[in-house]
Amino acid sequence: MAEDRPEPEFDRELTELPPELRWREWMRRIEAVLFASASPVPREDLARVVGQAVSVDLLIEDLSADLEGRAFEIAQVAGGWMFRTRVAFAPAIRAAADVGGQLLDLSDFDVAVLAAIAYHQPISRDGLKDIFGKDINRDLIGRLYARNLIGTGPRAPRRGAPYTFVTTEQFLVAFGLDSLRDLPDREQLEDAGIVVDPPHVGAS
């Protein structure tokens, strides 16, 4: 039985390499981390694999330039970075790859309810009823939960303390947003037929 050997200390600084090769190695480390991760990787995590005084943003910028002409790109979403296939290749992927489980498969009304949750969160089913003028059925809420687009927020401060709904990190990833501040202007959504504001004031 082989003896347990300690892992060699991870060399972040790479001082033995000339500057150009050192920069290239840091780029490849970031590429490897993003490739291996199924979720966005925040800046502080990427900073652990490069020199202490090195700009992760500049490394990402150079790596993105390196990927020009490739079928995938680096996207800044949900407070981090991840690899994402370029939109132009979506038809080819749907035609040849088994990605059924990755598709959102939401109706227009599902998307409208999701948008209302995003803009008014935390919001209860009663709050959604105020916006749409009708009850939002549990099956619709269940579809959004099943796709990890929404989660449970704090209980509303009212009789019965109903649950509220909030969007998730997966929501940001699915729609290519870095944070909720990147949500489109509400007028743009209304022009697209998506209602996110209530027709009258109601408790949420």
N, C-alpha and C. Protein backbone atom coordinates (compact mmCIF):
# COMPACT_ATOMS: atom_id res chain seq x y z
N MET A 1 0.85 -1.20 0.00
CA MET A 1 0.00 0.00 0.00
C MET A 1 0.88 1.25 0.00
N ALA A 2 0.64 2.12 -0.95
CA ALA A 2 1.48 3.32 -1.08
C ALA A 2 1.22 4.26 0.08
N GLU A 3 2.28 4.93 0.50
CA GLU A 3 2.15 5.89 1.59
C GLU A 3 1.37 7.11 1.09
N ASP A 4 0.58 7.68 2.01
CA ASP A 4 -0.09 8.93 1.69
C ASP A 4 0.95 10.04 1.60
N ARG A 5 0.89 10.75 0.49
CA ARG A 5 1.85 11.84 0.31
C ARG A 5 1.10 13.15 0.28
N PRO A 6 1.62 14.17 0.93
CA PRO A 6 0.94 15.47 0.92
C PRO A 6 0.93 16.05 -0.49
N GLU A 7 -0.15 16.73 -0.82
CA GLU A 7 -0.23 17.41 -2.10
C GLU A 7 0.82 18.52 -2.15
N PRO A 8 1.50 18.68 -3.29
CA PRO A 8 2.46 19.79 -3.38
C PRO A 8 1.74 21.12 -3.22
N GLU A 9 2.39 22.08 -2.64
CA GLU A 9 1.79 23.40 -2.43
C GLU A 9 1.47 24.03 -3.77
N PHE A 10 0.27 24.57 -3.88
CA PHE A 10 -0.17 25.18 -5.14
C PHE A 10 0.57 26.49 -5.36
N ASP A 11 1.20 26.61 -6.52
CA ASP A 11 1.99 27.80 -6.85
C ASP A 11 1.12 28.80 -7.60
N ARG A 12 0.68 29.82 -6.91
CA ARG A 12 -0.14 30.84 -7.56
C ARG A 12 0.69 31.82 -8.36
N GLU A 13 1.87 32.14 -7.87
CA GLU A 13 2.63 33.26 -8.43
C GLU A 13 3.40 32.91 -9.70
N LEU A 14 3.85 31.65 -9.81
CA LEU A 14 4.59 31.18 -11.00
C LEU A 14 5.79 32.07 -11.32
N THR A 15 6.52 32.43 -10.29
CA THR A 15 7.63 33.36 -10.47
C THR A 15 8.75 32.81 -11.34
N GLU A 16 8.81 31.47 -11.51
CA GLU A 16 9.88 30.90 -12.32
C GLU A 16 9.63 31.07 -13.81
N LEU A 17 8.43 31.46 -14.19
CA LEU A 17 8.10 31.62 -15.60
C LEU A 17 8.32 33.06 -16.04
N PRO A 18 8.70 33.25 -17.31
CA PRO A 18 8.78 34.63 -17.82
C PRO A 18 7.37 35.24 -17.86
N PRO A 19 7.27 36.56 -17.83
CA PRO A 19 5.96 37.22 -17.71
C PRO A 19 4.91 36.77 -18.72
N GLU A 20 5.30 36.63 -19.98
CA GLU A 20 4.31 36.27 -21.01
C GLU A 20 3.75 34.87 -20.77
N LEU A 21 4.63 33.90 -20.45
CA LEU A 21 4.17 32.54 -20.20
C LEU A 21 3.36 32.47 -18.90
N ARG A 22 3.76 33.30 -17.92
CA ARG A 22 3.04 33.32 -16.66
C ARG A 22 1.59 33.77 -16.89
N TRP A 23 1.41 34.83 -17.66
CA TRP A 23 0.08 35.34 -17.96
C TRP A 23 -0.75 34.29 -18.70
N ARG A 24 -0.12 33.62 -19.67
CA ARG A 24 -0.81 32.59 -20.44
C ARG A 24 -1.24 31.43 -19.54
N GLU A 25 -0.40 31.05 -18.60
CA GLU A 25 -0.74 29.97 -17.68
C GLU A 25 -1.90 30.36 -16.78
N TRP A 26 -1.93 31.60 -16.31
CA TRP A 26 -3.05 32.06 -15.50
C TRP A 26 -4.35 32.03 -16.31
N MET A 27 -4.28 32.43 -17.59
CA MET A 27 -5.46 32.37 -18.45
C MET A 27 -5.97 30.93 -18.56
N ARG A 28 -5.05 29.98 -18.75
CA ARG A 28 -5.45 28.58 -18.91
C ARG A 28 -6.03 28.02 -17.61
N ARG A 29 -5.51 28.48 -16.48
CA ARG A 29 -6.07 28.03 -15.21
C ARG A 29 -7.53 28.48 -15.08
N ILE A 30 -7.77 29.74 -15.42
CA ILE A 30 -9.14 30.24 -15.36
C ILE A 30 -10.03 29.49 -16.34
N GLU A 31 -9.50 29.22 -17.52
CA GLU A 31 -10.26 28.45 -18.51
C GLU A 31 -10.62 27.07 -17.96
N ALA A 32 -9.67 26.42 -17.30
CA ALA A 32 -9.90 25.09 -16.75
C ALA A 32 -10.97 25.12 -15.65
N VAL A 33 -10.90 26.13 -14.79
CA VAL A 33 -11.88 26.24 -13.71
C VAL A 33 -13.28 26.46 -14.28
N LEU A 34 -13.41 27.36 -15.26
CA LEU A 34 -14.72 27.63 -15.85
C LEU A 34 -15.24 26.40 -16.59
N PHE A 35 -14.35 25.69 -17.26
CA PHE A 35 -14.76 24.49 -17.99
C PHE A 35 -15.29 23.42 -17.04
N ALA A 36 -14.67 23.32 -15.87
CA ALA A 36 -15.04 22.26 -14.93
C ALA A 36 -16.28 22.60 -14.10
N SER A 37 -16.66 23.87 -14.09
CA SER A 37 -17.76 24.29 -13.22
C SER A 37 -19.09 24.32 -13.96
N ALA A 38 -20.13 23.81 -13.30
CA ALA A 38 -21.48 23.82 -13.89
C ALA A 38 -22.24 25.09 -13.53
N SER A 39 -21.67 25.93 -12.69
CA SER A 39 -22.33 27.16 -12.27
C SER A 39 -21.35 28.32 -12.36
N PRO A 40 -21.85 29.55 -12.36
CA PRO A 40 -20.95 30.70 -12.47
C PRO A 40 -19.91 30.71 -11.35
N VAL A 41 -18.68 31.06 -11.71
CA VAL A 41 -17.58 31.10 -10.74
C VAL A 41 -17.30 32.56 -10.39
N PRO A 42 -17.44 32.93 -9.12
CA PRO A 42 -17.21 34.33 -8.74
C PRO A 42 -15.74 34.72 -8.81
N ARG A 43 -15.51 36.02 -8.84
CA ARG A 43 -14.16 36.56 -8.97
C ARG A 43 -13.24 36.07 -7.86
N GLU A 44 -13.76 36.02 -6.62
CA GLU A 44 -12.89 35.64 -5.50
C GLU A 44 -12.40 34.20 -5.62
N ASP A 45 -13.18 33.33 -6.25
CA ASP A 45 -12.73 31.95 -6.45
C ASP A 45 -11.67 31.87 -7.54
N LEU A 46 -11.88 32.61 -8.63
CA LEU A 46 -10.89 32.61 -9.71
C LEU A 46 -9.57 33.23 -9.23
N ALA A 47 -9.66 34.18 -8.32
CA ALA A 47 -8.44 34.83 -7.81
C ALA A 47 -7.54 33.87 -7.07
N ARG A 48 -8.08 32.72 -6.63
CA ARG A 48 -7.27 31.75 -5.89
C ARG A 48 -6.29 30.99 -6.78
N VAL A 49 -6.47 31.05 -8.09
CA VAL A 49 -5.60 30.26 -8.97
C VAL A 49 -4.62 31.13 -9.75
N VAL A 50 -4.59 32.43 -9.46
CA VAL A 50 -3.66 33.33 -10.15
C VAL A 50 -2.87 34.11 -9.11
N GLY A 51 -1.91 34.89 -9.57
CA GLY A 51 -1.08 35.68 -8.67
C GLY A 51 -1.90 36.63 -7.82
N GLN A 52 -1.40 36.93 -6.65
CA GLN A 52 -2.15 37.71 -5.68
C GLN A 52 -2.51 39.10 -6.18
N ALA A 53 -1.64 39.72 -6.95
CA ALA A 53 -1.90 41.09 -7.40
C ALA A 53 -2.42 41.14 -8.83
N VAL A 54 -2.86 40.01 -9.35
CA VAL A 54 -3.27 39.93 -10.76
C VAL A 54 -4.75 40.26 -10.91
N SER A 55 -5.09 40.97 -11.99
CA SER A 55 -6.47 41.33 -12.27
C SER A 55 -7.20 40.18 -12.97
N VAL A 56 -8.17 39.60 -12.28
CA VAL A 56 -8.97 38.54 -12.89
C VAL A 56 -9.73 39.09 -14.10
N ASP A 57 -10.20 40.33 -14.00
CA ASP A 57 -10.96 40.92 -15.10
C ASP A 57 -10.13 41.01 -16.38
N LEU A 58 -8.87 41.40 -16.24
CA LEU A 58 -8.01 41.48 -17.43
C LEU A 58 -7.73 40.10 -18.01
N LEU A 59 -7.54 39.11 -17.14
CA LEU A 59 -7.33 37.75 -17.62
C LEU A 59 -8.57 37.23 -18.36
N ILE A 60 -9.75 37.51 -17.81
CA ILE A 60 -11.00 37.13 -18.47
C ILE A 60 -11.12 37.82 -19.82
N GLU A 61 -10.75 39.09 -19.86
CA GLU A 61 -10.81 39.86 -21.11
C GLU A 61 -9.92 39.23 -22.18
N ASP A 62 -8.69 38.86 -21.80
CA ASP A 62 -7.78 38.25 -22.76
C ASP A 62 -8.25 36.85 -23.17
N LEU A 63 -8.79 36.11 -22.22
CA LEU A 63 -9.30 34.77 -22.53
C LEU A 63 -10.50 34.87 -23.47
N SER A 64 -11.36 35.86 -23.25
CA SER A 64 -12.51 36.07 -24.14
C SER A 64 -12.04 36.38 -25.56
N ALA A 65 -10.99 37.20 -25.67
CA ALA A 65 -10.45 37.51 -26.99
C ALA A 65 -9.88 36.26 -27.65
N ASP A 66 -9.28 35.40 -26.83
CA ASP A 66 -8.74 34.13 -27.33
C ASP A 66 -9.83 33.24 -27.91
N LEU A 67 -11.05 33.37 -27.38
CA LEU A 67 -12.15 32.49 -27.78
C LEU A 67 -12.95 33.04 -28.96
N GLU A 68 -12.54 34.19 -29.49
CA GLU A 68 -13.22 34.74 -30.67
C GLU A 68 -13.20 33.70 -31.80
N GLY A 69 -14.34 33.49 -32.42
CA GLY A 69 -14.41 32.52 -33.50
C GLY A 69 -14.74 31.11 -33.04
N ARG A 70 -14.76 30.90 -31.71
CA ARG A 70 -15.13 29.59 -31.18
C ARG A 70 -16.64 29.52 -30.98
N ALA A 71 -17.16 28.31 -30.77
CA ALA A 71 -18.60 28.13 -30.63
C ALA A 71 -19.12 28.53 -29.25
N PHE A 72 -18.22 28.80 -28.32
CA PHE A 72 -18.64 29.18 -26.98
C PHE A 72 -17.92 30.44 -26.55
N GLU A 73 -18.45 31.06 -25.51
CA GLU A 73 -17.91 32.32 -25.01
C GLU A 73 -17.98 32.35 -23.50
N ILE A 74 -17.34 33.34 -22.89
CA ILE A 74 -17.45 33.53 -21.45
C ILE A 74 -18.55 34.54 -21.19
N ALA A 75 -19.50 34.17 -20.35
CA ALA A 75 -20.60 35.07 -20.00
C ALA A 75 -20.50 35.45 -18.54
N GLN A 76 -20.76 36.72 -18.24
CA GLN A 76 -20.78 37.19 -16.86
C GLN A 76 -22.23 37.14 -16.38
N VAL A 77 -22.54 36.18 -15.53
CA VAL A 77 -23.91 35.99 -15.04
C VAL A 77 -23.89 35.65 -13.55
N ALA A 78 -24.97 36.05 -12.88
CA ALA A 78 -25.17 35.69 -11.47
C ALA A 78 -23.95 35.96 -10.60
N GLY A 79 -23.27 37.08 -10.85
CA GLY A 79 -22.15 37.46 -10.00
C GLY A 79 -20.86 36.70 -10.26
N GLY A 80 -20.77 36.00 -11.38
CA GLY A 80 -19.56 35.26 -11.73
C GLY A 80 -19.46 35.08 -13.22
N TRP A 81 -18.60 34.14 -13.63
CA TRP A 81 -18.41 33.86 -15.05
C TRP A 81 -18.62 32.38 -15.32
N MET A 82 -19.08 32.08 -16.54
CA MET A 82 -19.23 30.69 -16.95
C MET A 82 -19.15 30.61 -18.47
N PHE A 83 -18.85 29.40 -18.97
CA PHE A 83 -18.87 29.19 -20.41
C PHE A 83 -20.31 29.03 -20.88
N ARG A 84 -20.60 29.59 -22.07
CA ARG A 84 -21.93 29.48 -22.64
C ARG A 84 -21.80 29.38 -24.15
N THR A 85 -22.58 28.49 -24.75
CA THR A 85 -22.58 28.35 -26.20
C THR A 85 -23.12 29.62 -26.83
N ARG A 86 -22.52 30.05 -27.91
CA ARG A 86 -22.99 31.25 -28.59
C ARG A 86 -24.39 31.01 -29.17
N VAL A 87 -25.22 32.04 -29.12
CA VAL A 87 -26.61 31.93 -29.55
C VAL A 87 -26.73 31.40 -30.97
N ALA A 88 -25.80 31.76 -31.84
CA ALA A 88 -25.89 31.35 -33.24
C ALA A 88 -25.89 29.84 -33.41
N PHE A 89 -25.38 29.11 -32.42
CA PHE A 89 -25.28 27.65 -32.54
C PHE A 89 -26.43 26.91 -31.86
N ALA A 90 -27.39 27.66 -31.32
CA ALA A 90 -28.51 27.02 -30.64
C ALA A 90 -29.28 26.06 -31.55
N PRO A 91 -29.60 26.42 -32.81
CA PRO A 91 -30.32 25.47 -33.67
C PRO A 91 -29.55 24.17 -33.91
N ALA A 92 -28.24 24.26 -34.07
CA ALA A 92 -27.44 23.07 -34.30
C ALA A 92 -27.45 22.16 -33.07
N ILE A 93 -27.40 22.77 -31.89
CA ILE A 93 -27.42 21.98 -30.65
C ILE A 93 -28.76 21.27 -30.50
N ARG A 94 -29.85 22.01 -30.75
CA ARG A 94 -31.17 21.40 -30.62
C ARG A 94 -31.37 20.27 -31.62
N ALA A 95 -30.73 20.39 -32.79
CA ALA A 95 -30.90 19.38 -33.83
C ALA A 95 -30.12 18.11 -33.54
N ALA A 96 -29.00 18.22 -32.84
CA ALA A 96 -28.12 17.07 -32.73
C ALA A 96 -27.84 16.59 -31.31
N ALA A 97 -28.12 17.40 -30.30
CA ALA A 97 -27.74 17.03 -28.93
C ALA A 97 -28.98 16.84 -28.06
N ASP A 98 -28.84 16.02 -27.04
CA ASP A 98 -29.91 15.75 -26.11
C ASP A 98 -29.90 16.82 -25.02
N VAL A 99 -30.60 17.92 -25.29
CA VAL A 99 -30.63 19.03 -24.33
C VAL A 99 -32.05 19.30 -23.85
N GLY A 100 -32.95 18.34 -24.04
CA GLY A 100 -34.34 18.55 -23.65
C GLY A 100 -34.50 18.97 -22.22
N GLY A 101 -33.72 18.37 -21.32
CA GLY A 101 -33.84 18.70 -19.91
C GLY A 101 -33.31 20.07 -19.56
N GLN A 102 -32.55 20.70 -20.49
CA GLN A 102 -31.98 22.01 -20.21
C GLN A 102 -32.87 23.14 -20.72
N LEU A 103 -33.88 22.82 -21.55
CA LEU A 103 -34.73 23.86 -22.11
C LEU A 103 -35.75 24.31 -21.07
N LEU A 104 -36.06 25.61 -21.06
CA LEU A 104 -37.01 26.12 -20.09
C LEU A 104 -38.43 25.64 -20.37
N ASP A 105 -38.82 25.58 -21.64
CA ASP A 105 -40.13 25.07 -22.03
C ASP A 105 -41.23 25.74 -21.22
N LEU A 106 -41.28 27.08 -21.26
CA LEU A 106 -42.27 27.84 -20.53
C LEU A 106 -43.24 28.50 -21.50
N SER A 107 -44.50 28.59 -21.10
CA SER A 107 -45.49 29.30 -21.91
C SER A 107 -45.30 30.80 -21.74
N ASP A 108 -45.96 31.59 -22.60
CA ASP A 108 -45.87 33.05 -22.48
C ASP A 108 -46.37 33.51 -21.11
N PHE A 109 -47.44 32.86 -20.62
CA PHE A 109 -47.97 33.27 -19.31
C PHE A 109 -47.02 32.88 -18.18
N ASP A 110 -46.36 31.72 -18.31
CA ASP A 110 -45.35 31.33 -17.33
C ASP A 110 -44.27 32.42 -17.24
N VAL A 111 -43.83 32.88 -18.40
CA VAL A 111 -42.77 33.91 -18.43
C VAL A 111 -43.28 35.20 -17.82
N ALA A 112 -44.55 35.54 -18.09
CA ALA A 112 -45.12 36.76 -17.51
C ALA A 112 -45.15 36.68 -15.99
N VAL A 113 -45.55 35.53 -15.45
CA VAL A 113 -45.56 35.35 -13.99
C VAL A 113 -44.14 35.41 -13.44
N LEU A 114 -43.20 34.79 -14.13
CA LEU A 114 -41.81 34.82 -13.70
C LEU A 114 -41.28 36.26 -13.69
N ALA A 115 -41.64 37.03 -14.71
CA ALA A 115 -41.22 38.44 -14.75
C ALA A 115 -41.82 39.22 -13.59
N ALA A 116 -43.08 38.96 -13.28
CA ALA A 116 -43.72 39.65 -12.16
C ALA A 116 -43.02 39.32 -10.85
N ILE A 117 -42.66 38.06 -10.68
CA ILE A 117 -41.92 37.68 -9.47
C ILE A 117 -40.58 38.40 -9.41
N ALA A 118 -39.89 38.45 -10.55
CA ALA A 118 -38.57 39.09 -10.59
C ALA A 118 -38.65 40.56 -10.20
N TYR A 119 -39.67 41.27 -10.68
CA TYR A 119 -39.76 42.71 -10.42
C TYR A 119 -40.40 43.05 -9.08
N HIS A 120 -41.19 42.14 -8.52
CA HIS A 120 -41.92 42.47 -7.29
C HIS A 120 -41.49 41.61 -6.10
N GLN A 121 -40.46 40.83 -6.23
CA GLN A 121 -40.07 39.90 -5.16
C GLN A 121 -39.64 40.63 -3.89
N PRO A 122 -39.91 40.04 -2.72
CA PRO A 122 -40.67 38.80 -2.52
C PRO A 122 -42.16 39.05 -2.69
N ILE A 123 -42.86 38.14 -3.35
CA ILE A 123 -44.27 38.33 -3.63
C ILE A 123 -45.02 37.02 -3.41
N SER A 124 -46.23 37.13 -2.86
CA SER A 124 -47.04 35.95 -2.59
C SER A 124 -47.98 35.66 -3.75
N ARG A 125 -48.71 34.55 -3.68
CA ARG A 125 -49.70 34.24 -4.72
C ARG A 125 -50.79 35.29 -4.74
N ASP A 126 -51.15 35.85 -3.57
CA ASP A 126 -52.14 36.92 -3.54
C ASP A 126 -51.63 38.16 -4.28
N GLY A 127 -50.35 38.44 -4.10
CA GLY A 127 -49.76 39.56 -4.82
C GLY A 127 -49.79 39.35 -6.31
N LEU A 128 -49.52 38.12 -6.75
CA LEU A 128 -49.59 37.80 -8.18
C LEU A 128 -51.03 37.90 -8.68
N LYS A 129 -51.98 37.51 -7.84
CA LYS A 129 -53.39 37.64 -8.22
C LYS A 129 -53.75 39.10 -8.44
N ASP A 130 -53.22 39.99 -7.59
CA ASP A 130 -53.47 41.42 -7.76
C ASP A 130 -52.95 41.92 -9.10
N ILE A 131 -51.83 41.37 -9.54
CA ILE A 131 -51.22 41.81 -10.79
C ILE A 131 -52.00 41.30 -12.00
N PHE A 132 -52.36 40.02 -11.97
CA PHE A 132 -52.96 39.41 -13.15
C PHE A 132 -54.48 39.32 -13.11
N GLY A 133 -55.06 39.67 -11.96
CA GLY A 133 -56.50 39.65 -11.87
C GLY A 133 -57.12 38.27 -11.80
N LYS A 134 -56.31 37.27 -11.48
CA LYS A 134 -56.82 35.90 -11.34
C LYS A 134 -55.83 35.09 -10.52
N ASP A 135 -56.31 33.98 -9.98
CA ASP A 135 -55.43 33.11 -9.20
C ASP A 135 -54.35 32.50 -10.09
N ILE A 136 -53.15 32.40 -9.55
CA ILE A 136 -52.05 31.73 -10.23
C ILE A 136 -51.99 30.31 -9.69
N ASN A 137 -52.24 29.33 -10.56
CA ASN A 137 -52.38 27.96 -10.06
C ASN A 137 -51.04 27.37 -9.61
N ARG A 138 -51.16 26.38 -8.76
CA ARG A 138 -49.97 25.77 -8.16
C ARG A 138 -49.13 25.02 -9.20
N ASP A 139 -49.75 24.53 -10.27
CA ASP A 139 -48.99 23.83 -11.30
C ASP A 139 -47.99 24.77 -11.97
N LEU A 140 -48.43 26.00 -12.23
CA LEU A 140 -47.52 26.99 -12.84
C LEU A 140 -46.36 27.28 -11.90
N ILE A 141 -46.68 27.54 -10.63
CA ILE A 141 -45.62 27.78 -9.65
C ILE A 141 -44.70 26.57 -9.57
N GLY A 142 -45.28 25.37 -9.64
CA GLY A 142 -44.49 24.15 -9.59
C GLY A 142 -43.53 24.03 -10.76
N ARG A 143 -43.98 24.46 -11.96
CA ARG A 143 -43.08 24.42 -13.13
C ARG A 143 -41.87 25.33 -12.92
N LEU A 144 -42.12 26.51 -12.37
CA LEU A 144 -41.01 27.44 -12.14
C LEU A 144 -40.06 26.91 -11.06
N TYR A 145 -40.63 26.26 -10.04
CA TYR A 145 -39.80 25.63 -9.01
C TYR A 145 -38.98 24.49 -9.61
N ALA A 146 -39.63 23.66 -10.44
CA ALA A 146 -38.95 22.49 -11.00
C ALA A 146 -37.75 22.88 -11.84
N ARG A 147 -37.82 24.04 -12.47
CA ARG A 147 -36.70 24.51 -13.29
C ARG A 147 -35.72 25.36 -12.49
N ASN A 148 -35.95 25.43 -11.16
CA ASN A 148 -35.08 26.16 -10.24
C ASN A 148 -34.99 27.64 -10.60
N LEU A 149 -36.07 28.18 -11.17
CA LEU A 149 -36.10 29.61 -11.52
C LEU A 149 -36.59 30.46 -10.37
N ILE A 150 -37.37 29.86 -9.45
CA ILE A 150 -37.83 30.58 -8.28
C ILE A 150 -37.58 29.73 -7.04
N GLY A 151 -37.56 30.41 -5.89
CA GLY A 151 -37.44 29.73 -4.61
C GLY A 151 -38.38 30.39 -3.62
N THR A 152 -38.36 29.91 -2.40
CA THR A 152 -39.23 30.43 -1.36
C THR A 152 -38.58 31.61 -0.67
N GLY A 153 -39.32 32.71 -0.57
CA GLY A 153 -38.84 33.89 0.13
C GLY A 153 -39.37 33.93 1.55
N PRO A 154 -39.23 35.07 2.23
CA PRO A 154 -39.75 35.20 3.59
C PRO A 154 -41.28 35.15 3.59
N ARG A 155 -41.84 34.73 4.69
CA ARG A 155 -43.30 34.72 4.80
C ARG A 155 -43.82 36.17 4.85
N ALA A 156 -44.95 36.38 4.19
CA ALA A 156 -45.53 37.73 4.16
C ALA A 156 -46.06 38.10 5.55
N PRO A 157 -45.86 39.36 5.98
CA PRO A 157 -46.30 39.78 7.32
C PRO A 157 -47.80 40.07 7.35
N ARG A 158 -48.61 39.05 7.22
CA ARG A 158 -50.05 39.19 7.25
C ARG A 158 -50.67 37.92 7.83
N ARG A 159 -51.97 37.91 8.01
CA ARG A 159 -52.64 36.76 8.59
C ARG A 159 -52.32 35.50 7.79
N GLY A 160 -51.94 34.45 8.50
CA GLY A 160 -51.61 33.19 7.85
C GLY A 160 -50.16 33.13 7.38
N ALA A 161 -49.47 34.29 7.36
CA ALA A 161 -48.06 34.36 6.95
C ALA A 161 -47.79 33.51 5.71
N PRO A 162 -48.42 33.87 4.57
CA PRO A 162 -48.22 33.06 3.36
C PRO A 162 -46.78 33.13 2.85
N TYR A 163 -46.37 32.07 2.15
CA TYR A 163 -45.05 32.06 1.56
C TYR A 163 -44.96 33.08 0.43
N THR A 164 -43.78 33.61 0.25
CA THR A 164 -43.53 34.47 -0.90
C THR A 164 -42.54 33.78 -1.83
N PHE A 165 -42.41 34.32 -3.03
CA PHE A 165 -41.53 33.75 -4.04
C PHE A 165 -40.45 34.76 -4.43
N VAL A 166 -39.27 34.24 -4.70
CA VAL A 166 -38.14 35.06 -5.16
C VAL A 166 -37.46 34.31 -6.30
N THR A 167 -36.71 35.03 -7.10
CA THR A 167 -35.95 34.37 -8.16
C THR A 167 -34.65 33.80 -7.60
N THR A 168 -34.02 32.94 -8.37
CA THR A 168 -32.82 32.22 -7.94
C THR A 168 -31.62 32.59 -8.79
N GLU A 169 -30.47 32.06 -8.41
CA GLU A 169 -29.28 32.23 -9.24
C GLU A 169 -29.49 31.61 -10.62
N GLN A 170 -30.19 30.47 -10.66
CA GLN A 170 -30.45 29.82 -11.95
C GLN A 170 -31.28 30.72 -12.86
N PHE A 171 -32.15 31.53 -12.29
CA PHE A 171 -32.91 32.51 -13.08
C PHE A 171 -31.96 33.46 -13.78
N LEU A 172 -30.97 33.97 -13.04
CA LEU A 172 -29.99 34.88 -13.64
C LEU A 172 -29.22 34.18 -14.76
N VAL A 173 -28.80 32.93 -14.50
CA VAL A 173 -28.05 32.18 -15.50
C VAL A 173 -28.90 31.94 -16.74
N ALA A 174 -30.15 31.53 -16.55
CA ALA A 174 -31.02 31.18 -17.67
C ALA A 174 -31.26 32.37 -18.59
N PHE A 175 -31.31 33.57 -18.01
CA PHE A 175 -31.61 34.75 -18.81
C PHE A 175 -30.38 35.63 -19.04
N GLY A 176 -29.20 35.11 -18.70
CA GLY A 176 -27.96 35.81 -19.00
C GLY A 176 -27.78 37.12 -18.26
N LEU A 177 -28.24 37.18 -17.01
CA LEU A 177 -28.15 38.40 -16.21
C LEU A 177 -27.05 38.25 -15.16
N ASP A 178 -26.30 39.33 -14.95
CA ASP A 178 -25.30 39.31 -13.89
C ASP A 178 -25.95 39.51 -12.54
N SER A 179 -26.96 40.35 -12.48
CA SER A 179 -27.71 40.58 -11.24
C SER A 179 -29.10 41.07 -11.61
N LEU A 180 -29.97 41.23 -10.62
CA LEU A 180 -31.33 41.72 -10.89
C LEU A 180 -31.31 43.16 -11.39
N ARG A 181 -30.23 43.88 -11.15
CA ARG A 181 -30.11 45.24 -11.68
C ARG A 181 -30.09 45.25 -13.21
N ASP A 182 -29.78 44.09 -13.81
CA ASP A 182 -29.71 44.01 -15.27
C ASP A 182 -31.05 43.65 -15.91
N LEU A 183 -32.11 43.54 -15.10
CA LEU A 183 -33.42 43.28 -15.68
C LEU A 183 -33.78 44.40 -16.65
N PRO A 184 -34.43 44.07 -17.76
CA PRO A 184 -34.80 45.11 -18.73
C PRO A 184 -35.82 46.08 -18.14
N ASP A 185 -35.89 47.27 -18.73
CA ASP A 185 -36.86 48.27 -18.30
C ASP A 185 -38.28 47.70 -18.44
N ARG A 186 -39.12 48.02 -17.47
CA ARG A 186 -40.48 47.46 -17.48
C ARG A 186 -41.25 47.86 -18.73
N GLU A 187 -41.01 49.06 -19.25
CA GLU A 187 -41.72 49.49 -20.47
C GLU A 187 -41.37 48.58 -21.64
N GLN A 188 -40.11 48.12 -21.69
CA GLN A 188 -39.72 47.20 -22.75
C GLN A 188 -40.50 45.89 -22.65
N LEU A 189 -40.68 45.41 -21.43
CA LEU A 189 -41.45 44.18 -21.25
C LEU A 189 -42.91 44.38 -21.63
N GLU A 190 -43.46 45.53 -21.25
CA GLU A 190 -44.86 45.79 -21.58
C GLU A 190 -45.04 45.89 -23.10
N ASP A 191 -44.04 46.48 -23.78
CA ASP A 191 -44.10 46.55 -25.25
C ASP A 191 -44.10 45.15 -25.85
N ALA A 192 -43.45 44.19 -25.14
CA ALA A 192 -43.41 42.81 -25.61
C ALA A 192 -44.63 42.01 -25.14
N GLY A 193 -45.56 42.68 -24.45
CA GLY A 193 -46.77 42.00 -24.01
C GLY A 193 -46.64 41.31 -22.68
N ILE A 194 -45.58 41.59 -21.91
CA ILE A 194 -45.39 40.97 -20.60
C ILE A 194 -45.73 41.99 -19.53
N VAL A 195 -46.74 41.70 -18.71
CA VAL A 195 -47.21 42.62 -17.68
C VAL A 195 -46.51 42.32 -16.37
N VAL A 196 -45.87 43.32 -15.80
CA VAL A 196 -45.20 43.12 -14.51
C VAL A 196 -45.70 44.09 -13.46
N ASP A 197 -46.57 45.03 -13.84
CA ASP A 197 -47.13 45.98 -12.87
C ASP A 197 -48.61 45.73 -12.68
N PRO A 198 -49.08 45.83 -11.44
CA PRO A 198 -50.50 45.57 -11.20
C PRO A 198 -51.38 46.66 -11.78
N PRO A 199 -52.61 46.28 -12.21
CA PRO A 199 -53.54 47.29 -12.71
C PRO A 199 -54.06 48.19 -11.61
N HIS A 200 -53.95 47.74 -10.37
CA HIS A 200 -54.34 48.55 -9.22
C HIS A 200 -53.45 48.17 -8.06
N VAL A 201 -53.40 49.01 -7.06
CA VAL A 201 -52.53 48.76 -5.91
C VAL A 201 -53.11 47.62 -5.10
N GLY A 202 -52.25 46.63 -4.78
CA GLY A 202 -52.71 45.51 -3.96
C GLY A 202 -51.56 45.02 -3.13
N ALA A 203 -51.86 44.42 -2.02
CA ALA A 203 -50.82 43.89 -1.15
C ALA A 203 -50.17 42.71 -1.80
N SER A 204 -48.87 42.55 -1.58
CA SER A 204 -48.14 41.41 -2.12
C SER A 204 -47.61 40.53 -1.03
